Amino acid sequence: MMTPMRYVVLVLAIVLSLHFILSFSHEDYGRATSISRLSEQLTGSGSHPQDRYVPPKTPIQSRKANATFVMLARNGDLNGVMVSMKQVEDRFNKEFQYPYVFLNEEPFTEEFKQRVLTITDAKVEFGLIPKEQWTQPSWIDEARASAARKDMVDHNVIYGGSVPYRNMCRFNSGFFYRQPLLDKYKYYWRVEPDVNFFCDLHYDPLLLMQDQKKVYGFTVSLYEYPATIPTLWDATKEFMNANPGLLPEGNALKFISDDGGDTYNKCHFWSNFEIGDLDFWRGEAYQKYFDFLDEKGGFYYERWGDAPVHSIGAALFAKKEEIHFFNDIGYRHNPFQHCPQGEAHKKGKCWCNPQDNFDYEWYSCLKRYDALFQ
């Protein structure tokens, strides 16, 4: 027979037990369950159901820029797209959930769309490039263009014989920012197939562009192959002389010219990675510049690339403070890479080799960028 004192103790124990159970958090419950299962294994009692771990959902950044990733890709680039996109998601976008815009001169296949959609929870849109923005214009003298291609092939100029490559360079120079799917965005981050992103990013580079009023961001800069742009600077000087009012004071002309604009030193930002302000390309100065270059025909009579065209445009029409070097974004587009050094490498948990870094190699132009602020 239970004594009154034992009865009181029993009731108190039950009350305390219920309070303890009800005050458990999910984490406490998980720990208690694990302990219980371990106890069962040690004692040989109870069942042993397989543990199922459900990771917590990563919170989405509440404040974001009006921005998107942009990927120009063909259906045949799918595997390379998956490689690049998976790294973008793992290193950055799983925390920020920026959307993607994919562009192609042909309709994307259902396989391409479905596989891309498995990589991200963010919004994804697929756009078809108008034919007139991707084909050689009818006013180009094909005999002259064909002769130029043959000469480049004879001199082993990379992509020298390729019309599709020229179409791509012209599109990226003057048409990508006009795509209707991009109309609603102000900023973009260009991503290419088969590139590497080496470091974790726990801040928002797109928001940095907005808050610090930047218009162009890069990670790698280098010299252009002179054989591809023999008359580009002549055309640029002609444009500058005709439109002096479009060049702001304090621009970055010193990055691309060592003599005040008389000659071009061939430096450019490697545009396969760029984070930029779409309104800058949409603006009067750059749009007039591209249209002027397009009329010259150098995208087809030579092999003008979007990297020097973008870089000259940014250097001439933006102030130097509006161009940003993303030192903490580890990036590789074969064969060059930027690998953050020192504390930035450690902070980003970068997996690139710090000794494999292009920043101040002899063919890099980063020192010329640095000189803008000295």
Protein backbone atom coordinates (compact mmCIF):
# COMPACT_ATOMS: atom_id res chain seq x y z
CA MET A 1 0.00 0.00 0.00
CA MET A 2 1.40 3.44 -1.06
CA THR A 3 1.97 5.93 1.72
CA PRO A 4 0.74 9.56 1.29
CA MET A 5 4.33 10.78 0.98
CA ARG A 6 5.15 8.29 -1.78
CA TYR A 7 1.93 9.28 -3.58
CA VAL A 8 2.92 12.96 -3.50
CA VAL A 9 6.40 12.12 -4.81
CA LEU A 10 4.95 10.00 -7.63
CA VAL A 11 2.54 12.75 -8.73
CA LEU A 12 5.31 15.33 -8.62
CA ALA A 13 7.54 13.09 -10.73
CA ILE A 14 4.81 12.63 -13.34
CA VAL A 15 4.18 16.39 -13.53
CA LEU A 16 7.87 17.17 -13.91
CA SER A 17 8.24 14.49 -16.58
CA LEU A 18 5.34 15.92 -18.60
CA HIS A 19 6.78 19.42 -18.29
CA PHE A 20 10.18 18.18 -19.44
CA ILE A 21 8.72 16.37 -22.46
CA LEU A 22 6.53 19.31 -23.50
CA SER A 23 9.43 21.75 -23.24
CA PHE A 24 11.60 19.68 -25.60
CA SER A 25 12.69 21.43 -28.81
CA HIS A 26 12.90 19.43 -32.02
CA GLU A 27 16.66 19.38 -31.58
CA ASP A 28 16.35 18.04 -28.02
CA TYR A 29 13.94 15.40 -29.25
CA GLY A 30 16.38 14.34 -31.95
CA ARG A 31 19.17 14.03 -29.39
CA ALA A 32 16.96 12.07 -27.00
CA THR A 33 15.85 9.76 -29.80
CA SER A 34 19.45 9.11 -30.80
CA ILE A 35 20.35 8.36 -27.17
CA SER A 36 17.35 6.04 -26.87
CA ARG A 37 18.34 4.18 -30.05
CA LEU A 38 21.91 3.86 -28.84
CA SER A 39 20.64 2.48 -25.56
CA GLU A 40 18.52 -0.06 -27.42
CA GLN A 41 21.52 -1.14 -29.48
CA LEU A 42 23.65 -1.54 -26.38
CA THR A 43 21.01 -3.49 -24.49
CA GLY A 44 19.73 -5.50 -27.45
CA SER A 45 16.15 -4.29 -26.89
CA GLY A 46 13.74 -2.43 -29.16
CA SER A 47 13.69 -2.03 -32.94
CA HIS A 48 16.28 -0.35 -35.14
CA PRO A 49 14.52 1.78 -37.81
CA GLN A 50 16.86 3.57 -40.22
CA ASP A 51 17.62 7.17 -39.19
CA ARG A 52 16.29 9.78 -41.58
CA TYR A 53 18.02 13.17 -41.42
CA VAL A 54 16.10 16.10 -42.91
CA PRO A 55 18.46 19.09 -43.21
CA PRO A 56 17.05 22.47 -42.23
CA LYS A 57 15.97 24.62 -45.17
CA THR A 58 18.47 27.38 -45.86
CA PRO A 59 16.90 30.77 -45.18
CA ILE A 60 16.57 32.98 -48.26
CA GLN A 61 18.20 36.40 -48.18
CA SER A 62 15.45 38.90 -47.43
CA ARG A 63 17.01 41.92 -49.16
CA LYS A 64 18.19 41.39 -52.73
CA ALA A 65 19.05 43.34 -55.84
CA ASN A 66 16.79 43.34 -58.87
CA ALA A 67 19.05 40.87 -60.65
CA THR A 68 19.41 37.57 -62.46
CA PHE A 69 22.01 35.11 -63.69
CA VAL A 70 22.38 35.04 -67.49
CA MET A 71 23.64 31.96 -69.32
CA LEU A 72 24.08 31.82 -73.08
CA ALA A 73 24.11 28.12 -73.94
CA ARG A 74 23.33 25.58 -76.62
CA ASN A 75 21.55 22.31 -75.98
CA GLY A 76 24.85 20.53 -76.48
CA ASP A 77 26.35 22.54 -73.59
CA LEU A 78 24.06 20.86 -71.07
CA ASN A 79 26.72 18.96 -69.13
CA GLY A 80 28.90 22.05 -68.86
CA VAL A 81 25.89 24.10 -67.80
CA MET A 82 25.18 21.62 -65.01
CA VAL A 83 28.78 21.81 -63.78
CA SER A 84 28.74 25.62 -63.62
CA MET A 85 25.23 25.93 -62.24
CA LYS A 86 25.79 23.38 -59.46
CA GLN A 87 28.80 25.34 -58.26
CA VAL A 88 26.91 28.63 -58.40
CA GLU A 89 24.18 27.09 -56.27
CA ASP A 90 26.52 25.45 -53.76
CA ARG A 91 28.90 28.40 -53.39
CA PHE A 92 26.27 31.17 -53.35
CA ASN A 93 22.78 30.93 -54.70
CA LYS A 94 21.28 28.34 -52.35
CA GLU A 95 21.29 31.16 -49.78
CA PHE A 96 20.11 33.93 -52.11
CA GLN A 97 17.82 32.33 -54.71
CA TYR A 98 18.45 34.67 -57.62
CA PRO A 99 16.65 33.64 -60.82
CA TYR A 100 18.24 32.41 -64.05
CA VAL A 101 17.69 33.45 -67.67
CA PHE A 102 18.94 31.01 -70.31
CA LEU A 103 19.36 32.20 -73.91
CA ASN A 104 19.83 30.10 -77.04
CA GLU A 105 19.65 30.69 -80.80
CA GLU A 106 17.60 27.47 -81.01
CA PRO A 107 14.72 26.28 -78.79
CA PHE A 108 15.88 24.53 -75.65
CA THR A 109 15.03 20.83 -75.49
CA GLU A 110 12.81 19.44 -72.76
CA GLU A 111 15.76 17.43 -71.47
CA PHE A 112 17.79 20.63 -71.10
CA LYS A 113 14.99 22.38 -69.25
CA GLN A 114 14.19 19.50 -66.91
CA ARG A 115 17.79 18.84 -65.94
CA VAL A 116 18.44 22.53 -65.27
CA LEU A 117 15.34 22.75 -63.10
CA THR A 118 16.63 19.95 -60.86
CA ILE A 119 19.65 22.05 -59.82
CA THR A 120 17.90 25.06 -58.30
CA ASP A 121 14.79 26.11 -56.42
CA ALA A 122 15.07 29.57 -57.99
CA LYS A 123 12.97 30.79 -60.90
CA VAL A 124 14.32 29.78 -64.34
CA GLU A 125 13.28 31.24 -67.71
CA PHE A 126 14.32 30.14 -71.20
CA GLY A 127 14.56 32.59 -74.09
CA LEU A 128 14.96 32.22 -77.86
CA ILE A 129 17.29 34.73 -79.54
CA PRO A 130 15.80 36.40 -82.65
CA LYS A 131 17.51 35.30 -85.84
CA GLU A 132 18.48 38.83 -86.84
CA GLN A 133 20.49 39.17 -83.62
CA TRP A 134 22.42 35.96 -84.17
CA THR A 135 23.15 35.78 -87.91
CA GLN A 136 25.62 37.68 -90.04
CA PRO A 137 23.83 40.83 -91.28
CA SER A 138 22.86 40.98 -94.95
CA TRP A 139 24.85 44.19 -95.46
CA ILE A 140 28.15 42.46 -94.64
CA ASP A 141 30.26 41.88 -97.78
CA GLU A 142 30.59 38.09 -97.63
CA ALA A 143 33.50 37.98 -100.06
CA ARG A 144 35.47 40.35 -97.82
CA ALA A 145 34.42 38.50 -94.67
CA SER A 146 35.30 35.12 -96.14
CA ALA A 147 38.73 36.35 -97.20
CA ALA A 148 39.33 37.67 -93.67
CA ARG A 149 38.36 34.32 -92.15
CA LYS A 150 40.68 32.45 -94.51
CA ASP A 151 43.57 34.75 -93.64
CA MET A 152 43.01 34.17 -89.92
CA VAL A 153 42.88 30.41 -90.42
CA ASP A 154 46.13 30.60 -92.37
CA HIS A 155 47.69 32.46 -89.43
CA ASN A 156 46.28 30.08 -86.79
CA VAL A 157 44.09 32.71 -85.11
CA ILE A 158 41.81 31.03 -82.59
CA TYR A 159 38.20 30.87 -83.87
CA GLY A 160 39.51 32.75 -86.90
CA GLY A 161 37.39 30.77 -89.35
CA SER A 162 34.23 30.59 -87.27
CA VAL A 163 31.10 32.55 -88.22
CA PRO A 164 29.09 31.22 -85.20
CA TYR A 165 31.79 32.53 -82.86
CA ARG A 166 31.51 35.96 -84.49
CA ASN A 167 27.73 35.81 -84.16
CA MET A 168 28.15 35.12 -80.45
CA CYS A 169 30.62 38.00 -79.97
CA ARG A 170 28.30 40.44 -81.76
CA PHE A 171 25.29 39.22 -79.76
CA ASN A 172 27.07 39.55 -76.41
CA SER A 173 28.41 42.97 -77.39
CA GLY A 174 25.17 44.59 -78.38
CA PHE A 175 22.07 42.41 -78.02
CA PHE A 176 22.05 40.26 -74.89
CA TYR A 177 20.83 43.14 -72.70
CA ARG A 178 17.93 43.80 -75.10
CA GLN A 179 16.30 40.41 -74.52
CA PRO A 180 12.68 40.77 -73.31
CA LEU A 181 13.30 38.33 -70.44
CA LEU A 182 15.88 40.78 -69.07
CA ASP A 183 13.69 43.87 -69.33
CA LYS A 184 12.53 43.55 -65.73
CA TYR A 185 16.05 43.32 -64.28
CA LYS A 186 18.68 45.96 -63.56
CA TYR A 187 21.69 43.77 -62.73
CA TYR A 188 23.02 40.52 -64.14
CA TRP A 189 25.70 37.94 -63.39
CA ARG A 190 27.01 36.24 -66.51
CA VAL A 191 27.86 32.54 -66.15
CA GLU A 192 29.39 30.30 -68.81
CA PRO A 193 29.27 26.50 -69.18
CA ASP A 194 32.25 24.56 -67.80
CA VAL A 195 33.62 27.14 -65.39
CA ASN A 196 34.66 26.79 -61.75
CA PHE A 197 33.68 28.85 -58.71
CA PHE A 198 36.11 28.04 -55.93
CA CYS A 199 34.93 29.93 -52.85
CA ASP A 200 31.90 30.19 -50.59
CA LEU A 201 30.18 33.57 -50.74
CA HIS A 202 28.16 34.62 -47.72
CA TYR A 203 27.49 38.13 -48.97
CA ASP A 204 25.64 39.31 -52.04
CA PRO A 205 27.85 40.63 -54.91
CA LEU A 206 24.77 41.80 -56.78
CA LEU A 207 23.61 43.82 -53.81
CA LEU A 208 27.14 45.26 -53.54
CA MET A 209 26.80 46.50 -57.12
CA GLN A 210 23.53 48.19 -56.23
CA ASP A 211 24.53 49.68 -52.89
CA GLN A 212 27.92 50.94 -54.05
CA LYS A 213 26.58 52.12 -57.42
CA LYS A 214 28.94 49.96 -59.46
CA VAL A 215 28.29 49.30 -63.13
CA TYR A 216 30.83 46.59 -63.99
CA GLY A 217 32.55 43.83 -61.99
CA PHE A 218 35.29 41.39 -63.07
CA THR A 219 37.70 38.76 -61.74
CA VAL A 220 40.23 38.30 -64.58
CA SER A 221 41.79 40.83 -66.95
CA LEU A 222 44.32 40.25 -69.71
CA TYR A 223 45.60 41.42 -73.09
CA GLU A 224 43.61 40.80 -76.25
CA TYR A 225 45.05 38.93 -79.22
CA PRO A 226 46.05 41.83 -81.55
CA ALA A 227 45.33 39.89 -84.77
CA THR A 228 41.61 39.82 -83.93
CA ILE A 229 41.14 43.60 -83.57
CA PRO A 230 43.52 45.45 -85.92
CA THR A 231 41.17 48.41 -86.53
CA LEU A 232 39.02 48.39 -83.36
CA TRP A 233 40.88 51.26 -81.73
CA ASP A 234 40.86 53.34 -84.90
CA ALA A 235 37.08 53.01 -84.92
CA THR A 236 36.92 53.81 -81.22
CA LYS A 237 38.99 56.98 -81.61
CA GLU A 238 36.76 58.07 -84.46
CA PHE A 239 33.75 57.62 -82.20
CA MET A 240 35.38 59.47 -79.28
CA ASN A 241 36.29 62.42 -81.47
CA ALA A 242 32.73 62.62 -82.78
CA ASN A 243 31.10 62.22 -79.31
CA PRO A 244 33.35 63.87 -76.68
CA GLY A 245 30.37 64.71 -74.49
CA LEU A 246 29.66 61.02 -73.85
CA LEU A 247 32.95 60.48 -71.97
CA PRO A 248 32.69 61.42 -68.29
CA GLU A 249 35.53 62.95 -66.32
CA GLY A 250 37.31 60.44 -64.11
CA ASN A 251 36.71 57.49 -66.40
CA ALA A 252 39.04 54.47 -66.66
CA LEU A 253 40.76 55.42 -69.92
CA LYS A 254 44.15 54.78 -68.28
CA PHE A 255 43.26 51.08 -67.99
CA ILE A 256 43.07 50.68 -71.77
CA SER A 257 45.52 53.34 -72.97
CA ASP A 258 48.98 54.38 -71.80
CA ASP A 259 49.10 57.61 -73.79
CA GLY A 260 45.81 59.38 -73.18
CA GLY A 261 43.87 57.52 -75.82
CA ASP A 262 46.21 57.71 -78.79
CA THR A 263 46.81 53.95 -78.76
CA TYR A 264 45.13 50.92 -77.23
CA ASN A 265 47.26 48.76 -74.91
CA LYS A 266 44.97 45.74 -75.62
CA CYS A 267 43.87 45.33 -71.97
CA HIS A 268 40.38 44.02 -71.36
CA PHE A 269 38.23 42.43 -68.68
CA TRP A 270 37.57 38.76 -69.41
CA SER A 271 33.86 38.95 -70.03
CA ASN A 272 33.04 35.25 -69.62
CA PHE A 273 32.64 36.37 -66.00
CA GLU A 274 31.02 39.72 -65.43
CA ILE A 275 28.54 41.23 -63.02
CA GLY A 276 27.04 44.37 -64.40
CA ASP A 277 24.37 47.02 -64.60
CA LEU A 278 22.08 46.35 -67.54
CA ASP A 279 21.07 50.01 -67.62
CA PHE A 280 24.68 50.92 -68.36
CA TRP A 281 24.61 48.90 -71.57
CA ARG A 282 21.14 50.22 -72.35
CA GLY A 283 22.33 53.80 -71.92
CA GLU A 284 22.89 56.32 -74.70
CA ALA A 285 26.71 56.26 -74.66
CA TYR A 286 27.28 52.52 -74.95
CA GLN A 287 24.37 51.94 -77.32
CA LYS A 288 25.66 54.58 -79.72
CA TYR A 289 29.16 53.09 -79.44
CA PHE A 290 27.99 49.58 -80.26
CA ASP A 291 25.87 50.75 -83.20
CA PHE A 292 28.87 52.65 -84.55
CA LEU A 293 31.11 49.58 -84.27
CA ASP A 294 28.46 47.34 -85.79
CA GLU A 295 28.25 49.56 -88.87
CA LYS A 296 32.01 49.24 -89.31
CA GLY A 297 31.56 45.48 -89.73
CA GLY A 298 34.58 44.55 -87.64
CA PHE A 299 32.77 41.68 -85.93
CA TYR A 300 32.92 39.87 -89.30
CA TYR A 301 35.70 41.56 -91.30
CA GLU A 302 37.99 41.00 -88.33
CA ARG A 303 37.05 39.09 -85.18
CA TRP A 304 36.11 41.71 -82.62
CA GLY A 305 35.26 40.05 -79.32
CA ASP A 306 32.72 41.13 -76.76
CA ALA A 307 35.45 41.25 -74.10
CA PRO A 308 37.38 44.18 -75.62
CA VAL A 309 34.16 45.88 -76.74
CA HIS A 310 32.62 45.65 -73.26
CA SER A 311 35.89 46.64 -71.62
CA ILE A 312 36.46 49.69 -73.82
CA GLY A 313 32.85 50.68 -73.25
CA ALA A 314 33.17 50.37 -69.48
CA ALA A 315 36.51 52.18 -69.42
CA LEU A 316 35.27 55.09 -71.53
CA PHE A 317 31.71 55.60 -70.32
CA ALA A 318 31.92 54.68 -66.60
CA LYS A 319 33.88 56.38 -63.85
CA LYS A 320 36.78 54.34 -62.54
CA GLU A 321 35.14 53.96 -59.11
CA GLU A 322 32.19 52.27 -60.80
CA ILE A 323 34.33 49.32 -61.94
CA HIS A 324 34.88 46.66 -59.28
CA PHE A 325 37.40 43.83 -58.93
CA PHE A 326 35.77 40.87 -57.14
CA ASN A 327 38.89 39.69 -55.36
CA ASP A 328 36.98 37.19 -53.17
CA ILE A 329 35.26 35.33 -56.03
CA GLY A 330 37.52 32.43 -56.96
CA TYR A 331 36.94 31.68 -60.64
CA ARG A 332 38.38 29.66 -63.49
CA HIS A 333 37.61 29.65 -67.19
CA ASN A 334 40.27 27.48 -68.72
CA PRO A 335 43.16 28.28 -68.97
CA PHE A 336 43.13 31.29 -66.59
CA GLN A 337 41.96 31.55 -63.02
CA HIS A 338 41.70 34.00 -60.19
CA CYS A 339 42.37 32.33 -56.82
CA PRO A 340 41.91 34.59 -53.77
CA GLN A 341 44.98 34.95 -51.59
CA GLY A 342 45.60 35.01 -47.84
CA GLU A 343 42.66 35.76 -45.58
CA ALA A 344 40.21 35.91 -48.49
CA HIS A 345 41.17 32.34 -49.44
CA LYS A 346 40.62 31.14 -45.89
CA LYS A 347 37.37 33.03 -45.37
CA GLY A 348 35.87 31.64 -48.56
CA LYS A 349 37.04 28.08 -47.87
CA CYS A 350 38.42 28.20 -51.41
CA TRP A 351 39.48 24.92 -52.98
CA CYS A 352 41.76 26.42 -55.65
CA ASN A 353 45.54 26.29 -55.28
CA PRO A 354 46.69 29.79 -54.21
CA GLN A 355 49.85 29.32 -56.26
CA ASP A 356 47.76 28.92 -59.43
CA ASN A 357 46.69 32.54 -59.69
CA PHE A 358 46.74 34.71 -62.81
CA ASP A 359 46.42 38.12 -61.11
CA TYR A 360 49.96 39.39 -61.63
CA GLU A 361 51.30 37.09 -64.31
CA TRP A 362 52.99 38.87 -67.21
CA TYR A 363 49.90 38.55 -69.42
CA SER A 364 47.52 39.94 -66.78
CA CYS A 365 46.24 43.53 -66.79
CA LEU A 366 45.30 43.68 -63.11
CA LYS A 367 48.26 45.93 -62.33
CA ARG A 368 46.86 48.49 -64.78
CA TYR A 369 43.53 48.38 -62.96
CA ASP A 370 45.34 48.89 -59.65
CA ALA A 371 47.13 51.90 -61.13
CA LEU A 372 43.80 53.67 -61.64
CA PHE A 373 43.60 54.24 -57.89
CA GLN A 374 47.23 55.10 -57.15
